[in-house]
N, C-alpha and C. Protein backbone atom coordinates (compact mmCIF):
# COMPACT_ATOMS: atom_id res chain seq x y z
N MET A 1 -4.35 -1.98 76.83
CA MET A 1 -3.51 -1.69 76.54
C MET A 1 -3.24 0.79 75.92
N VAL A 2 -2.32 1.44 76.52
CA VAL A 2 -2.38 2.17 75.40
C VAL A 2 -1.24 2.18 75.17
N ASN A 3 -1.06 2.68 73.36
CA ASN A 3 0.65 2.40 73.38
C ASN A 3 0.89 4.01 73.41
N GLN A 4 1.48 3.51 74.60
CA GLN A 4 3.08 4.66 74.72
C GLN A 4 4.12 5.17 73.91
N VAL A 5 3.67 6.58 73.11
CA VAL A 5 5.17 6.43 72.52
C VAL A 5 6.31 7.07 73.31
N ASN A 6 8.20 6.70 73.47
CA ASN A 6 8.25 7.27 73.75
C ASN A 6 9.34 8.32 72.77
N LEU A 7 9.24 9.99 73.59
CA LEU A 7 9.44 10.58 72.61
C LEU A 7 11.00 10.21 73.44
N ILE A 8 10.50 10.52 75.31
CA ILE A 8 12.14 10.67 75.05
C ILE A 8 12.47 9.32 76.39
N ASP A 9 13.36 8.58 75.79
CA ASP A 9 13.90 7.04 76.34
C ASP A 9 14.92 6.70 77.50
N LYS A 10 15.73 7.36 78.15
CA LYS A 10 16.40 7.32 79.04
C LYS A 10 16.32 8.36 79.70
N GLN A 11 15.57 7.78 81.03
CA GLN A 11 15.73 9.02 82.33
C GLN A 11 17.01 10.31 82.82
N GLU A 12 18.59 9.28 82.04
CA GLU A 12 18.89 10.87 81.73
C GLU A 12 18.69 12.12 81.02
N HIS A 13 18.05 11.97 79.92
CA HIS A 13 17.80 12.56 79.13
C HIS A 13 16.41 13.56 78.79
N ILE A 14 15.91 13.13 80.35
CA ILE A 14 14.53 13.12 80.83
C ILE A 14 14.99 14.45 82.14
N GLU A 15 16.19 14.08 82.07
CA GLU A 15 16.74 14.72 83.45
C GLU A 15 16.93 16.15 82.84
N LEU A 16 18.02 15.56 82.17
CA LEU A 16 19.12 17.01 81.28
C LEU A 16 17.36 18.28 80.75
N ALA A 17 17.08 17.39 79.81
CA ALA A 17 15.63 18.65 79.46
C ALA A 17 14.69 19.06 80.46
N ALA A 18 14.93 18.13 81.15
CA ALA A 18 14.04 19.10 82.28
C ALA A 18 15.01 19.82 83.14
N ARG A 19 15.79 19.58 83.48
CA ARG A 19 16.69 21.37 83.58
C ARG A 19 16.35 21.90 83.19
N ALA A 20 17.31 21.36 81.77
CA ALA A 20 17.23 22.78 80.72
C ALA A 20 16.18 23.83 80.65
N LEU A 21 14.81 22.98 81.06
CA LEU A 21 13.76 23.55 80.48
C LEU A 21 13.19 24.83 81.80
N LYS A 22 13.52 23.99 82.73
CA LYS A 22 13.23 24.55 84.60
C LYS A 22 14.02 26.25 84.07
N SER A 23 15.65 25.92 83.82
CA SER A 23 16.34 27.19 83.98
C SER A 23 16.41 28.28 82.96
N ILE A 24 15.27 28.22 81.25
CA ILE A 24 14.66 29.63 81.02
C ILE A 24 13.13 29.17 81.04
N SER A 25 12.45 28.43 82.31
CA SER A 25 11.22 28.36 82.88
C SER A 25 10.45 30.34 82.40
N HIS A 26 11.73 30.98 83.47
CA HIS A 26 12.12 31.79 84.01
C HIS A 26 11.36 32.88 83.34
N PRO A 27 10.12 34.19 82.74
CA PRO A 27 10.24 35.60 81.49
C PRO A 27 11.27 35.61 81.04
N LEU A 28 12.24 36.49 82.51
CA LEU A 28 13.24 37.17 82.08
C LEU A 28 14.06 36.30 81.94
N ARG A 29 14.26 34.99 81.75
CA ARG A 29 15.33 34.29 82.09
C ARG A 29 15.05 34.65 79.79
N LEU A 30 13.98 34.24 79.58
CA LEU A 30 14.05 34.02 78.51
C LEU A 30 14.23 34.68 77.30
N LYS A 31 14.13 35.97 78.72
CA LYS A 31 13.60 37.35 76.66
C LYS A 31 15.06 37.28 76.75
N ILE A 32 16.24 37.02 77.68
CA ILE A 32 17.46 37.65 77.36
C ILE A 32 17.87 36.03 76.28
N LEU A 33 17.54 34.78 76.25
CA LEU A 33 17.91 34.29 75.54
C LEU A 33 17.80 34.91 74.47
N CYS A 34 16.81 35.13 73.66
CA CYS A 34 16.10 35.82 72.79
C CYS A 34 16.45 37.05 72.19
N VAL A 35 17.15 37.72 73.22
CA VAL A 35 18.44 39.50 72.68
C VAL A 35 19.15 37.87 73.05
N LEU A 36 19.98 37.33 73.34
CA LEU A 36 20.86 36.76 72.70
C LEU A 36 21.07 36.28 71.36
N GLY A 37 19.81 35.01 71.74
CA GLY A 37 20.38 34.98 69.75
C GLY A 37 21.13 34.10 70.00
N ASP A 38 21.49 34.00 68.48
CA ASP A 38 22.98 33.63 68.00
C ASP A 38 24.62 34.58 68.67
N GLN A 39 24.82 35.20 69.26
CA GLN A 39 24.89 36.03 69.04
C GLN A 39 25.83 35.85 70.70
N GLU A 40 25.99 36.93 71.20
CA GLU A 40 26.92 37.31 72.10
C GLU A 40 27.16 38.94 72.36
N ALA A 41 26.83 39.23 74.30
CA ALA A 41 26.75 41.13 73.88
C ALA A 41 26.75 40.72 75.59
N CYS A 42 27.56 42.13 76.22
CA CYS A 42 28.31 42.38 77.68
C CYS A 42 26.27 42.54 78.19
N VAL A 43 27.35 43.02 79.05
CA VAL A 43 25.72 42.89 80.71
C VAL A 43 24.62 43.97 79.99
N GLN A 44 26.00 45.66 80.01
CA GLN A 44 24.91 46.63 79.52
C GLN A 44 24.33 46.12 78.28
N GLU A 45 24.93 45.63 77.11
CA GLU A 45 23.06 45.43 75.75
C GLU A 45 22.37 44.34 76.19
N ILE A 46 22.49 44.16 77.48
CA ILE A 46 21.68 43.18 77.44
C ILE A 46 20.56 44.12 78.71
N VAL A 47 21.03 44.16 79.28
CA VAL A 47 20.45 45.77 79.80
C VAL A 47 19.42 46.08 79.23
N ASP A 48 19.96 46.62 78.66
CA ASP A 48 19.52 47.69 76.66
C ASP A 48 18.03 47.37 76.65
N ALA A 49 18.30 45.48 75.64
CA ALA A 49 17.13 45.42 75.05
C ALA A 49 16.66 44.88 76.20
N VAL A 50 16.56 44.46 77.38
CA VAL A 50 15.43 43.44 77.81
C VAL A 50 14.44 44.88 79.11
N GLY A 51 16.32 45.79 79.29
CA GLY A 51 15.27 47.06 80.03
C GLY A 51 14.48 46.89 81.81
N THR A 52 15.27 46.36 81.47
CA THR A 52 15.30 46.11 84.20
C THR A 52 17.02 46.48 83.99
N SER A 53 17.13 46.37 85.72
CA SER A 53 17.93 46.69 85.85
C SER A 53 19.05 46.11 86.71
N GLN A 54 20.97 46.62 85.80
CA GLN A 54 21.66 45.58 85.72
C GLN A 54 21.73 44.81 87.31
N SER A 55 21.05 44.91 87.87
CA SER A 55 21.59 43.79 88.80
C SER A 55 20.94 42.74 89.11
N ASN A 56 19.21 43.15 88.40
CA ASN A 56 18.20 41.59 88.41
C ASN A 56 18.47 41.03 86.91
N ILE A 57 19.09 41.96 86.37
CA ILE A 57 20.09 40.60 84.93
C ILE A 57 21.33 40.14 84.95
N SER A 58 21.58 40.60 85.72
CA SER A 58 23.16 40.20 85.99
C SER A 58 23.16 38.51 86.90
N GLN A 59 21.99 38.38 88.47
CA GLN A 59 21.02 37.44 88.64
C GLN A 59 21.27 36.30 88.20
N HIS A 60 20.62 36.80 86.87
CA HIS A 60 19.06 35.58 86.23
C HIS A 60 20.90 35.42 85.77
N LEU A 61 21.83 35.43 84.89
CA LEU A 61 21.99 35.98 84.50
C LEU A 61 23.27 34.14 85.05
N ALA A 62 23.42 35.14 85.74
CA ALA A 62 24.43 34.34 87.22
C ALA A 62 23.42 32.64 86.72
N ILE A 63 22.04 32.25 87.09
CA ILE A 63 21.55 31.36 86.95
C ILE A 63 21.69 30.84 85.72
N LEU A 64 21.70 30.77 84.57
CA LEU A 64 21.50 30.77 82.72
C LEU A 64 23.53 29.92 83.66
N ARG A 65 24.19 31.29 83.56
CA ARG A 65 25.63 30.47 83.25
C ARG A 65 25.94 29.08 84.63
N ASP A 66 25.34 29.37 85.71
CA ASP A 66 24.92 27.95 86.59
C ASP A 66 24.72 26.58 85.90
N LYS A 67 23.41 26.70 85.19
CA LYS A 67 23.22 25.60 84.36
C LYS A 67 24.27 25.36 83.13
N GLY A 68 25.05 25.34 82.98
CA GLY A 68 25.53 25.59 81.57
C GLY A 68 24.49 25.52 80.24
N VAL A 69 24.49 26.88 80.64
CA VAL A 69 23.09 27.41 79.43
C VAL A 69 23.89 28.32 78.49
N LEU A 70 25.02 29.79 79.13
CA LEU A 70 25.44 30.88 78.53
C LEU A 70 26.55 30.03 78.49
N VAL A 71 27.46 30.94 78.37
CA VAL A 71 29.46 30.92 78.76
C VAL A 71 29.79 31.96 78.46
N THR A 72 30.63 32.26 78.89
CA THR A 72 31.07 34.05 79.70
C THR A 72 32.67 34.06 78.90
N ARG A 73 33.42 34.58 77.88
CA ARG A 73 34.29 35.77 78.24
C ARG A 73 34.28 37.27 78.13
N LYS A 74 35.73 36.76 78.97
CA LYS A 74 35.98 37.99 79.32
C LYS A 74 36.76 38.82 78.83
N ASP A 75 36.28 40.39 78.16
CA ASP A 75 37.75 40.84 77.20
C ASP A 75 37.38 42.37 78.69
N ALA A 76 38.51 42.01 79.24
CA ALA A 76 39.28 43.32 79.78
C ALA A 76 38.35 44.13 80.51
N ASN A 77 37.37 44.65 80.78
CA ASN A 77 36.57 44.14 82.21
C ASN A 77 35.26 44.32 82.02
N ARG A 78 35.30 43.63 80.53
CA ARG A 78 33.69 43.83 80.23
C ARG A 78 33.44 41.83 80.32
N VAL A 79 32.09 41.95 80.03
CA VAL A 79 31.71 39.64 80.94
C VAL A 79 30.59 39.43 79.44
N TYR A 80 31.10 39.94 77.71
CA TYR A 80 29.93 38.53 77.16
C TYR A 80 29.55 36.95 77.63
N TYR A 81 28.64 37.16 77.38
CA TYR A 81 27.30 35.91 77.77
C TYR A 81 27.52 34.82 75.87
N ARG A 82 27.18 34.39 76.02
CA ARG A 82 26.29 33.43 74.29
C ARG A 82 25.57 32.08 75.08
N VAL A 83 24.71 31.82 74.39
CA VAL A 83 23.97 30.51 74.26
C VAL A 83 25.38 30.02 73.91
N GLY A 84 25.68 28.60 75.77
CA GLY A 84 26.70 27.48 75.30
C GLY A 84 26.65 26.18 74.00
N ASP A 85 24.87 25.85 74.05
CA ASP A 85 24.11 24.34 74.22
C ASP A 85 23.45 25.07 72.13
N SER A 86 23.56 24.31 71.42
CA SER A 86 22.72 25.25 70.17
C SER A 86 21.53 24.75 69.87
N ARG A 87 20.87 23.53 71.59
CA ARG A 87 20.51 22.91 71.29
C ARG A 87 19.37 24.23 72.47
N ILE A 88 19.53 24.50 72.78
CA ILE A 88 18.51 25.40 73.51
C ILE A 88 17.82 26.49 72.66
N LEU A 89 18.43 27.33 71.37
CA LEU A 89 18.60 27.43 70.61
C LEU A 89 17.76 26.84 69.51
N LEU A 90 18.08 25.77 68.84
CA LEU A 90 16.87 25.10 68.57
C LEU A 90 15.26 24.79 69.44
N LEU A 91 15.72 25.04 70.38
CA LEU A 91 14.56 24.27 71.41
C LEU A 91 13.57 26.06 71.66
N ILE A 92 14.50 27.41 71.83
CA ILE A 92 13.91 28.58 71.88
C ILE A 92 13.69 28.32 70.18
N GLY A 93 13.79 28.40 69.42
CA GLY A 93 13.58 29.03 67.59
C GLY A 93 11.99 27.89 67.66
N MET A 94 11.99 26.28 68.53
CA MET A 94 10.85 26.08 68.25
C MET A 94 9.37 26.46 69.06
N MET A 95 9.72 26.70 70.13
CA MET A 95 9.24 27.47 70.99
C MET A 95 8.54 29.36 70.37
N GLN A 96 9.08 29.49 69.47
CA GLN A 96 8.82 31.19 68.54
C GLN A 96 7.41 30.69 67.51
N ASP A 97 8.04 29.20 66.94
CA ASP A 97 6.94 28.28 65.80
C ASP A 97 5.90 27.77 66.39
N VAL A 98 5.88 27.64 67.59
CA VAL A 98 4.73 26.97 68.11
C VAL A 98 3.70 28.47 69.08
N PHE A 99 4.61 29.27 69.62
CA PHE A 99 4.17 30.17 69.94
C PHE A 99 3.64 31.55 70.28
N CYS A 100 4.59 32.42 68.57
CA CYS A 100 4.68 33.45 68.25
C CYS A 100 3.95 33.26 66.94
N ARG A 101 4.08 32.59 65.97
CA ARG A 101 3.20 32.35 64.28
C ARG A 101 1.82 32.79 64.71
N THR A 102 1.86 33.82 63.20
CA THR A 102 0.07 33.72 63.51
C THR A 102 -0.86 33.25 62.39
């Protein structure tokens, strides 16, 4: 019998991890999260940094917000986005270590 290591031991944790990974798995959403990091930014700042249309960015921001990855703060007529769960930043940092280090 193979010695099995339980990296994630509870079904609820597996489902939470899968939802988080699914929500950030799109290249544009991952890029948005990398642009935000531990800062907050309004839609136009994200559009300028990512380089695609505002409607496209807004669509992906809505997905990330609906999945609980991003939280918002409204200031006058601007909405500011930031990563709402520090574990997402930790995960992105680990992906950077694995995929971006030479």
